[in-house]
Protein backbone atom coordinates (compact mmCIF):
# COMPACT_ATOMS: atom_id res chain seq x y z
CA UNK A 1 0.02 -0.03 0.06
CA UNK A 2 1.37 3.39 -1.03
CA UNK A 3 0.72 6.46 0.98
CA UNK A 4 0.56 9.79 -1.19
CA UNK A 5 0.70 13.13 0.38
CA UNK A 6 1.13 15.43 -2.59
CA UNK A 7 -0.42 16.17 -5.97
CA UNK A 8 2.90 15.62 -7.86
CA UNK A 9 3.40 12.17 -6.35
CA UNK A 10 -0.33 11.43 -6.92
CA UNK A 11 0.03 12.12 -10.66
CA UNK A 12 3.27 10.22 -11.00
CA UNK A 13 1.78 7.21 -9.19
CA UNK A 14 -1.50 6.75 -11.28
CA UNK A 15 -0.47 8.20 -14.72
CA UNK A 16 -0.69 4.84 -16.50
CA UNK A 17 -3.61 3.25 -14.56
CA UNK A 18 -6.78 3.43 -16.86
CA UNK A 19 -9.04 1.44 -14.64
CA UNK A 20 -8.85 3.08 -11.31
CA UNK A 21 -11.36 2.96 -8.39
CA UNK A 22 -11.65 5.91 -6.19
CA UNK A 23 -13.24 5.87 -2.72
CA UNK A 24 -13.40 9.37 -1.09
CA UNK A 25 -13.53 9.43 2.78
CA UNK A 26 -13.16 11.74 5.61
CA UNK A 27 -11.62 8.94 7.60
CA UNK A 28 -13.06 7.31 10.82
CA UNK A 29 -13.38 4.25 8.67
CA UNK A 30 -16.29 1.68 9.40
CA UNK A 31 -17.84 -1.33 7.65
CA UNK A 32 -19.65 1.13 5.30
CA UNK A 33 -16.32 2.27 4.00
CA UNK A 34 -15.00 -1.17 3.70
CA UNK A 35 -17.98 -2.26 1.57
CA UNK A 36 -17.17 0.54 -0.89
CA UNK A 37 -13.55 -0.34 -0.78
CA UNK A 38 -14.24 -4.20 -1.42
CA UNK A 39 -16.64 -3.28 -4.32
CA UNK A 40 -13.97 -1.14 -5.97
CA UNK A 41 -11.22 -3.81 -5.47
CA UNK A 42 -13.57 -6.19 -7.17
CA UNK A 43 -14.18 -3.96 -10.14
CA UNK A 44 -11.08 -1.92 -10.62
CA UNK A 45 -7.43 -2.67 -11.57
CA UNK A 46 -6.24 -0.54 -8.81
CA UNK A 47 -8.10 1.17 -5.95
CA UNK A 48 -7.33 4.64 -4.38
CA UNK A 49 -8.77 5.84 -0.94
CA UNK A 50 -8.58 9.43 0.11
CA UNK A 51 -8.82 10.50 3.65
CA UNK A 52 -9.46 14.23 3.86
CA UNK A 53 -11.68 16.17 6.20
CA UNK A 54 -12.76 18.90 4.11
CA UNK A 55 -13.23 22.26 5.81
CA UNK A 56 -15.24 23.74 3.06
CA UNK A 57 -18.19 21.38 3.59
CA UNK A 58 -18.57 22.41 7.32
CA UNK A 59 -21.00 25.27 7.95
CA UNK A 60 -19.89 25.31 11.54
CA UNK A 61 -16.18 25.53 12.66
CA UNK A 62 -17.00 23.67 15.86
CA UNK A 63 -18.30 20.73 13.85
CA UNK A 64 -15.16 20.69 11.70
CA UNK A 65 -12.96 20.67 14.81
CA UNK A 66 -14.93 17.97 16.49
CA UNK A 67 -15.22 15.63 13.50
CA UNK A 68 -13.67 12.22 14.33
CA UNK A 69 -10.01 11.79 13.10
CA UNK A 70 -8.19 8.55 13.38
CA UNK A 71 -5.58 8.53 10.57
CA UNK A 72 -3.17 5.96 12.18
CA UNK A 73 -6.10 3.36 12.82
CA UNK A 74 -7.50 4.06 9.28
CA UNK A 75 -4.18 3.29 7.64
CA UNK A 76 -3.90 0.09 9.42
CA UNK A 77 -7.56 -0.82 8.37
CA UNK A 78 -6.63 0.15 4.81
CA UNK A 79 -3.42 -1.92 4.74
CA UNK A 80 -5.38 -5.16 5.89
CA UNK A 81 -7.83 -4.56 3.05
CA UNK A 82 -5.00 -4.41 0.59
CA UNK A 83 -5.73 -1.02 -0.85
CA UNK A 84 -3.42 0.04 -3.54
CA UNK A 85 -3.01 3.71 -2.75
CA UNK A 86 -3.99 6.19 -0.03
CA UNK A 87 -4.23 9.94 -0.81
CA UNK A 88 -3.53 11.97 2.36
CA UNK A 89 -3.41 15.74 1.19
CA UNK A 90 -2.94 18.82 3.07
CA UNK A 91 -5.57 21.64 2.68
CA UNK A 92 -3.01 23.70 0.95
CA UNK A 93 -2.67 21.00 -1.48
CA UNK A 94 -6.31 20.75 -2.50
CA UNK A 95 -7.20 24.34 -2.27
CA UNK A 96 -4.13 25.72 -4.26
CA UNK A 97 -6.51 27.76 -6.23
CA UNK A 98 -9.40 29.85 -4.78
CA UNK A 99 -12.90 28.13 -4.10
CA UNK A 100 -14.62 28.19 -7.49
CA UNK A 101 -17.50 30.47 -7.85
CA UNK A 102 -18.99 28.92 -11.19
CA UNK A 103 -19.90 25.46 -10.05
CA UNK A 104 -23.48 24.93 -10.87
CA UNK A 105 -25.28 22.48 -8.51
CA UNK A 106 -28.75 20.98 -8.98
CA UNK A 107 -31.50 22.89 -7.20
CA UNK A 108 -32.24 20.07 -4.80
CA UNK A 109 -29.27 21.15 -2.84
CA UNK A 110 -31.44 23.66 -1.08
CA UNK A 111 -33.82 20.88 0.51
CA UNK A 112 -33.16 18.41 3.33
CA UNK A 113 -29.47 18.78 4.53
CA UNK A 114 -28.91 21.68 2.34
CA UNK A 115 -31.62 23.76 3.90
CA UNK A 116 -29.92 23.55 7.31
CA UNK A 117 -26.24 23.39 6.28
CA UNK A 118 -25.89 26.42 4.16
CA UNK A 119 -22.83 26.06 1.74
CA UNK A 120 -22.44 22.35 2.68
CA UNK A 121 -23.06 20.89 -0.63
CA UNK A 122 -21.19 23.61 -2.46
CA UNK A 123 -18.00 22.64 -0.37
CA UNK A 124 -18.89 18.81 -1.10
CA UNK A 125 -19.24 19.37 -4.92
CA UNK A 126 -16.27 21.81 -5.02
CA UNK A 127 -13.77 19.07 -3.45
CA UNK A 128 -15.22 16.19 -5.50
CA UNK A 129 -14.55 18.23 -8.70
CA UNK A 130 -11.12 18.89 -7.59
CA UNK A 131 -10.35 15.36 -6.60
CA UNK A 132 -11.91 14.05 -10.05
CA UNK A 133 -9.86 16.49 -12.02
CA UNK A 134 -6.64 15.27 -10.25
CA UNK A 135 -7.29 11.55 -10.13
CA UNK A 136 -9.55 11.06 -13.32
CA UNK A 137 -10.74 7.54 -11.78
CA UNK A 138 -12.98 5.26 -13.98
CA UNK A 139 -15.21 4.81 -10.93
CA UNK A 140 -16.19 6.64 -7.70
CA UNK A 141 -17.79 4.67 -5.03
CA UNK A 142 -20.50 6.34 -2.75
CA UNK A 143 -22.82 5.12 -0.05
CA UNK A 144 -26.55 5.65 0.02
CA UNK A 145 -26.81 6.72 3.64
CA UNK A 146 -25.71 10.21 2.29
CA UNK A 147 -28.47 9.85 -0.36
CA UNK A 148 -28.83 13.55 -1.32
CA UNK A 149 -25.03 13.98 -1.59
CA UNK A 150 -24.97 11.03 -3.84
CA UNK A 151 -27.79 12.42 -6.03
CA UNK A 152 -26.17 15.82 -6.28
CA UNK A 153 -22.76 14.39 -7.11
CA UNK A 154 -24.36 12.11 -9.83
CA UNK A 155 -26.09 14.97 -11.52
CA UNK A 156 -22.89 17.07 -11.25
CA UNK A 157 -20.37 14.79 -12.82
CA UNK A 158 -22.47 13.19 -15.39
CA UNK A 159 -21.80 16.05 -17.94
CA UNK A 160 -18.32 16.82 -16.75
CA UNK A 161 -16.35 13.67 -16.13
CA UNK A 162 -16.38 10.34 -17.65
CA UNK A 163 -16.29 8.70 -14.24
CA UNK A 164 -19.06 6.07 -13.47
CA UNK A 165 -20.68 6.64 -10.03
CA UNK A 166 -21.24 3.37 -8.19
CA UNK A 167 -23.47 3.49 -5.24
CA UNK A 168 -23.78 0.96 -2.13
CA UNK A 169 -26.65 0.32 0.12
CA UNK A 170 -26.47 1.76 3.59
CA UNK A 171 -24.66 -0.56 5.87
CA UNK A 172 -26.08 -0.93 9.44
CA UNK A 173 -24.96 -1.95 12.90
CA UNK A 174 -26.70 -4.91 14.59
CA UNK A 175 -29.00 -2.69 16.38
CA UNK A 176 -29.93 -1.21 12.82
CA UNK A 177 -28.33 2.39 13.21
CA UNK A 178 -26.67 3.37 9.94
CA UNK A 179 -22.90 3.30 10.25
CA UNK A 180 -21.46 6.75 10.25
CA UNK A 181 -18.07 8.15 11.42
CA UNK A 182 -20.09 10.59 13.62
CA UNK A 183 -21.29 7.52 15.56
CA UNK A 184 -18.00 7.43 17.19
CA UNK A 185 -19.14 10.75 19.10
CA UNK A 186 -22.18 9.00 20.57
CA UNK A 187 -22.37 7.14 23.98
CA UNK A 188 -23.53 3.30 23.93
CA UNK A 189 -26.94 4.74 25.19
CA UNK A 190 -27.27 7.26 22.51
CA UNK A 191 -26.33 4.52 19.80
CA UNK A 192 -29.01 2.35 21.18
CA UNK A 193 -31.44 5.16 20.93
CA UNK A 194 -30.54 5.89 17.44
CA UNK A 195 -30.93 2.27 16.42
CA UNK A 196 -34.53 2.40 17.90
CA UNK A 197 -35.39 5.37 16.06
CA UNK A 198 -34.13 3.82 12.72
CA UNK A 199 -36.20 0.63 13.34
CA UNK A 200 -39.26 2.80 14.13
CA UNK A 201 -38.90 4.75 10.95
CA UNK A 202 -38.24 1.77 8.98
CA UNK A 203 -41.44 0.16 10.05
CA UNK A 204 -43.32 3.38 9.76
CA UNK A 205 -42.22 3.95 6.18
CA UNK A 206 -43.23 0.36 5.38
CA UNK A 207 -46.72 0.85 6.80
CA UNK A 208 -47.59 4.00 4.57
CA UNK A 209 -50.35 3.56 2.05
CA UNK A 210 -51.34 5.59 -0.85
CA UNK A 211 -54.77 6.88 0.79
CA UNK A 212 -53.20 8.08 3.90
CA UNK A 213 -52.61 11.64 4.99
CA UNK A 214 -48.90 11.61 4.90
CA UNK A 215 -48.26 14.97 6.58
CA UNK A 216 -50.26 14.09 9.58
CA UNK A 217 -48.72 10.63 9.86
CA UNK A 218 -45.28 12.15 9.78
CA UNK A 219 -46.03 14.78 12.37
CA UNK A 220 -47.53 12.16 14.54
CA UNK A 221 -44.52 9.89 14.52
CA UNK A 222 -42.19 12.90 14.81
CA UNK A 223 -43.97 14.11 18.08
CA UNK A 224 -43.88 10.57 19.47
CA UNK A 225 -39.92 10.20 18.86
CA UNK A 226 -39.35 13.75 20.37
CA UNK A 227 -41.38 12.87 23.48
CA UNK A 228 -39.87 9.42 23.88
CA UNK A 229 -36.19 9.97 23.10
CA UNK A 230 -35.82 13.76 23.46
CA UNK A 231 -34.18 14.43 20.25
CA UNK A 232 -34.09 17.41 17.93
CA UNK A 233 -35.43 17.05 14.46
CA UNK A 234 -34.07 19.27 11.36
CA UNK A 235 -36.33 17.36 9.02
CA UNK A 236 -38.60 14.11 8.50
CA UNK A 237 -39.79 14.03 4.95
CA UNK A 238 -40.96 11.82 2.20
CA UNK A 239 -39.30 12.38 -1.10
CA UNK A 240 -39.05 10.74 -4.53
CA UNK A 241 -35.60 8.99 -4.86
CA UNK A 242 -35.34 9.80 -8.48
CA UNK A 243 -35.25 13.48 -8.30
CA UNK A 244 -35.88 14.45 -4.58
CA UNK A 245 -39.13 16.04 -5.35
CA UNK A 246 -41.85 16.10 -2.68
CA UNK A 247 -43.47 12.74 -2.57
CA UNK A 248 -46.84 12.45 -4.33
CA UNK A 249 -47.30 8.79 -5.31
CA UNK A 250 -46.04 5.58 -3.81
CA UNK A 251 -43.47 4.90 -6.23
CA UNK A 252 -39.61 4.88 -5.49
CA UNK A 253 -39.91 7.09 -2.42
CA UNK A 254 -37.68 7.40 0.71
CA UNK A 255 -38.04 8.71 4.23
CA UNK A 256 -35.44 11.00 4.90
CA UNK A 257 -34.53 12.10 8.66
CA UNK A 258 -31.85 14.58 9.95
CA UNK A 259 -31.86 15.11 13.68
CA UNK A 260 -29.62 15.56 16.80
CA UNK A 261 -29.09 13.30 19.47
CA UNK A 262 -27.04 14.74 22.40
CA UNK A 263 -25.76 17.59 19.97
CA UNK A 264 -24.53 14.86 17.45
CA UNK A 265 -25.99 15.23 14.07
CA UNK A 266 -27.27 12.17 12.24
CA UNK A 267 -28.89 11.45 8.96
CA UNK A 268 -30.51 8.46 7.46
CA UNK A 269 -32.95 7.20 4.78
CA UNK A 270 -35.33 4.17 4.43
């Protein structure tokens, strides 16, 4: 496994690789990341994993500083997975040029997470644009837990890069909570609560029928979860998974949630 820390070394290393799989991460690796990596190894000639906590996608400095970092442990994990390359850039490397002003993002950046994290998706798309321009992979592997992010990246890259976006289903813990690096910030009790909320919402989503008053149903379940678990909701919404439009018919829809448990922000979809 080769560790790459600068752009010059990166370009020299991958210049002749035409079937390269790319897995972007912010570290804090878990089984969800490993699923993406295994998929890349199976499909690509070589696999490159990046570990970079991107400051541009954090709308709160405190959130950026608190984000879990475990690079030494992550590198041990990646070595066991037999990853070919790990890109560990410094911010000065990635943002040598100023943040771009002309990046056009799908209008759905302003719903769900985008409504509550101003500038978040602009930061995400900007850094993905920079990574793809540098790496030029054949594939990029992304998880469905960050479904809105996946949707926006797919829409952005399709007309600009030749890369194929490969999505992977959300990986869940034994208590059904979606695996996330932010889970490392939760106590065992809060993790248990997050699992119970996930199970409840999965069951709730499966119970919905076309003739029901969805708005009232959602408000009812939200109220019950707040009362029982003392959590703070940002959103709980039904949206079409094809275009993230407001749900109208029971056809390819998902239930999206963004909420805080003990000041830790979690997202999920079912």
